[in-house]
Amino acid sequence: MSNEIERLFEHQDEAVSALFLKNKGDELTDILVAALEEAFEILLEAAPAETVH
C-alpha cells in the first residue's frame, strides 16, 4: 500500500474520531450511508449482466 493511501486512511480515521468526540453521529451516519451507496453502485457496474448459480 502506498504512503499516500495510508495517509488517506489515517486522515479518515482522525475525521471519524473527531465526529464521535463532537457527538455528530447523524453526520457520521450520512457519510457511511453515502459510502455504502457508492460501493453498491461500483459493485453493480462490475457485476456481469447475467449470473449463473
N, C-alpha and C. Protein backbone atom coordinates (compact mmCIF):
# COMPACT_ATOMS: atom_id res chain seq x y z
N MET A 1 0.86 -1.17 0.00
CA MET A 1 0.00 0.00 0.00
C MET A 1 0.91 1.24 0.00
N SER A 2 0.58 2.20 -0.81
CA SER A 2 1.42 3.38 -0.90
C SER A 2 1.25 4.27 0.33
N ASN A 3 2.22 5.14 0.53
CA ASN A 3 2.16 6.07 1.66
C ASN A 3 0.97 7.01 1.53
N GLU A 4 0.64 7.38 0.29
CA GLU A 4 -0.48 8.29 0.07
C GLU A 4 -1.79 7.66 0.54
N ILE A 5 -1.99 6.39 0.24
CA ILE A 5 -3.21 5.69 0.66
C ILE A 5 -3.23 5.55 2.18
N GLU A 6 -2.08 5.23 2.76
CA GLU A 6 -2.01 5.11 4.22
C GLU A 6 -2.37 6.44 4.89
N ARG A 7 -1.87 7.56 4.33
CA ARG A 7 -2.19 8.87 4.89
C ARG A 7 -3.67 9.17 4.75
N LEU A 8 -4.26 8.75 3.64
CA LEU A 8 -5.69 8.96 3.44
C LEU A 8 -6.49 8.23 4.51
N PHE A 9 -6.14 6.96 4.78
CA PHE A 9 -6.85 6.20 5.80
C PHE A 9 -6.65 6.81 7.19
N GLU A 10 -5.43 7.29 7.47
CA GLU A 10 -5.18 7.92 8.76
C GLU A 10 -6.03 9.18 8.90
N HIS A 11 -6.13 9.96 7.83
CA HIS A 11 -6.93 11.18 7.85
C HIS A 11 -8.41 10.83 8.07
N GLN A 12 -8.88 9.78 7.41
CA GLN A 12 -10.27 9.36 7.59
C GLN A 12 -10.52 8.91 9.02
N ASP A 13 -9.57 8.17 9.59
CA ASP A 13 -9.72 7.72 10.98
C ASP A 13 -9.79 8.91 11.93
N GLU A 14 -8.96 9.91 11.69
CA GLU A 14 -8.98 11.10 12.54
C GLU A 14 -10.30 11.85 12.40
N ALA A 15 -10.83 11.94 11.18
CA ALA A 15 -12.09 12.63 10.96
C ALA A 15 -13.24 11.91 11.66
N VAL A 16 -13.24 10.59 11.58
CA VAL A 16 -14.29 9.81 12.24
C VAL A 16 -14.20 9.97 13.75
N SER A 17 -12.99 9.93 14.28
CA SER A 17 -12.80 10.11 15.71
C SER A 17 -13.30 11.47 16.16
N ALA A 18 -13.00 12.50 15.38
CA ALA A 18 -13.45 13.85 15.72
C ALA A 18 -14.97 13.93 15.73
N LEU A 19 -15.62 13.28 14.78
CA LEU A 19 -17.08 13.30 14.75
C LEU A 19 -17.67 12.61 15.97
N PHE A 20 -17.06 11.49 16.39
CA PHE A 20 -17.53 10.81 17.59
C PHE A 20 -17.38 11.70 18.82
N LEU A 21 -16.23 12.36 18.92
CA LEU A 21 -15.97 13.20 20.08
C LEU A 21 -16.92 14.39 20.14
N LYS A 22 -17.37 14.86 18.99
CA LYS A 22 -18.28 16.00 18.94
C LYS A 22 -19.75 15.57 18.96
N ASN A 23 -19.99 14.28 19.16
CA ASN A 23 -21.36 13.75 19.18
C ASN A 23 -22.11 14.08 17.89
N LYS A 24 -21.45 13.89 16.78
CA LYS A 24 -22.05 14.18 15.49
C LYS A 24 -22.40 12.86 14.80
N GLY A 25 -23.11 12.02 15.48
CA GLY A 25 -23.48 10.71 14.96
C GLY A 25 -24.29 10.77 13.69
N ASP A 26 -25.19 11.76 13.58
CA ASP A 26 -26.01 11.87 12.38
C ASP A 26 -25.16 12.17 11.15
N GLU A 27 -24.18 13.04 11.31
CA GLU A 27 -23.29 13.35 10.19
C GLU A 27 -22.48 12.12 9.79
N LEU A 28 -22.01 11.38 10.79
CA LEU A 28 -21.24 10.18 10.52
C LEU A 28 -22.12 9.15 9.80
N THR A 29 -23.35 9.01 10.23
CA THR A 29 -24.28 8.08 9.58
C THR A 29 -24.49 8.46 8.13
N ASP A 30 -24.66 9.75 7.86
CA ASP A 30 -24.84 10.21 6.48
C ASP A 30 -23.62 9.88 5.62
N ILE A 31 -22.42 10.06 6.18
CA ILE A 31 -21.20 9.74 5.45
C ILE A 31 -21.12 8.25 5.14
N LEU A 32 -21.44 7.43 6.14
CA LEU A 32 -21.38 5.98 5.96
C LEU A 32 -22.40 5.50 4.94
N VAL A 33 -23.60 6.04 4.99
CA VAL A 33 -24.65 5.66 4.04
C VAL A 33 -24.23 6.03 2.62
N ALA A 34 -23.67 7.22 2.45
CA ALA A 34 -23.21 7.65 1.13
C ALA A 34 -22.10 6.73 0.62
N ALA A 35 -21.19 6.33 1.50
CA ALA A 35 -20.12 5.43 1.10
C ALA A 35 -20.66 4.07 0.70
N LEU A 36 -21.63 3.56 1.43
CA LEU A 36 -22.23 2.27 1.08
C LEU A 36 -22.97 2.34 -0.26
N GLU A 37 -23.69 3.43 -0.49
CA GLU A 37 -24.39 3.59 -1.75
C GLU A 37 -23.40 3.60 -2.92
N GLU A 38 -22.29 4.31 -2.74
CA GLU A 38 -21.27 4.36 -3.79
C GLU A 38 -20.65 2.98 -4.02
N ALA A 39 -20.41 2.25 -2.93
CA ALA A 39 -19.84 0.91 -3.05
C ALA A 39 -20.79 -0.02 -3.80
N PHE A 40 -22.08 0.06 -3.51
CA PHE A 40 -23.05 -0.77 -4.21
C PHE A 40 -23.13 -0.42 -5.69
N GLU A 41 -23.04 0.87 -6.03
CA GLU A 41 -23.04 1.27 -7.43
C GLU A 41 -21.83 0.69 -8.16
N ILE A 42 -20.67 0.73 -7.51
CA ILE A 42 -19.46 0.17 -8.11
C ILE A 42 -19.62 -1.33 -8.30
N LEU A 43 -20.17 -2.01 -7.32
CA LEU A 43 -20.37 -3.46 -7.43
C LEU A 43 -21.35 -3.79 -8.55
N LEU A 44 -22.41 -3.02 -8.68
CA LEU A 44 -23.39 -3.27 -9.74
C LEU A 44 -22.77 -3.08 -11.12
N GLU A 45 -21.91 -2.07 -11.26
CA GLU A 45 -21.24 -1.84 -12.53
C GLU A 45 -20.27 -2.97 -12.87
N ALA A 46 -19.64 -3.54 -11.85
CA ALA A 46 -18.66 -4.58 -12.05
C ALA A 46 -19.27 -5.96 -12.23
N ALA A 47 -20.51 -6.13 -11.78
CA ALA A 47 -21.17 -7.44 -11.85
C ALA A 47 -21.58 -7.74 -13.29
N PRO A 48 -21.47 -8.99 -13.69
CA PRO A 48 -21.95 -9.35 -15.03
C PRO A 48 -23.46 -9.17 -15.11
N ALA A 49 -23.96 -8.92 -16.32
CA ALA A 49 -25.39 -8.70 -16.52
C ALA A 49 -26.20 -9.92 -16.09
N GLU A 50 -25.70 -11.09 -16.41
CA GLU A 50 -26.39 -12.33 -16.02
C GLU A 50 -25.44 -13.15 -15.19
N THR A 51 -25.97 -13.72 -14.11
CA THR A 51 -25.13 -14.58 -13.27
C THR A 51 -25.65 -16.01 -13.34
N VAL A 52 -24.75 -16.95 -13.20
CA VAL A 52 -25.12 -18.36 -13.20
C VAL A 52 -24.97 -18.87 -11.78
N HIS A 53 -26.00 -19.52 -11.29
CA HIS A 53 -25.97 -20.02 -9.91
C HIS A 53 -25.69 -21.49 -9.91
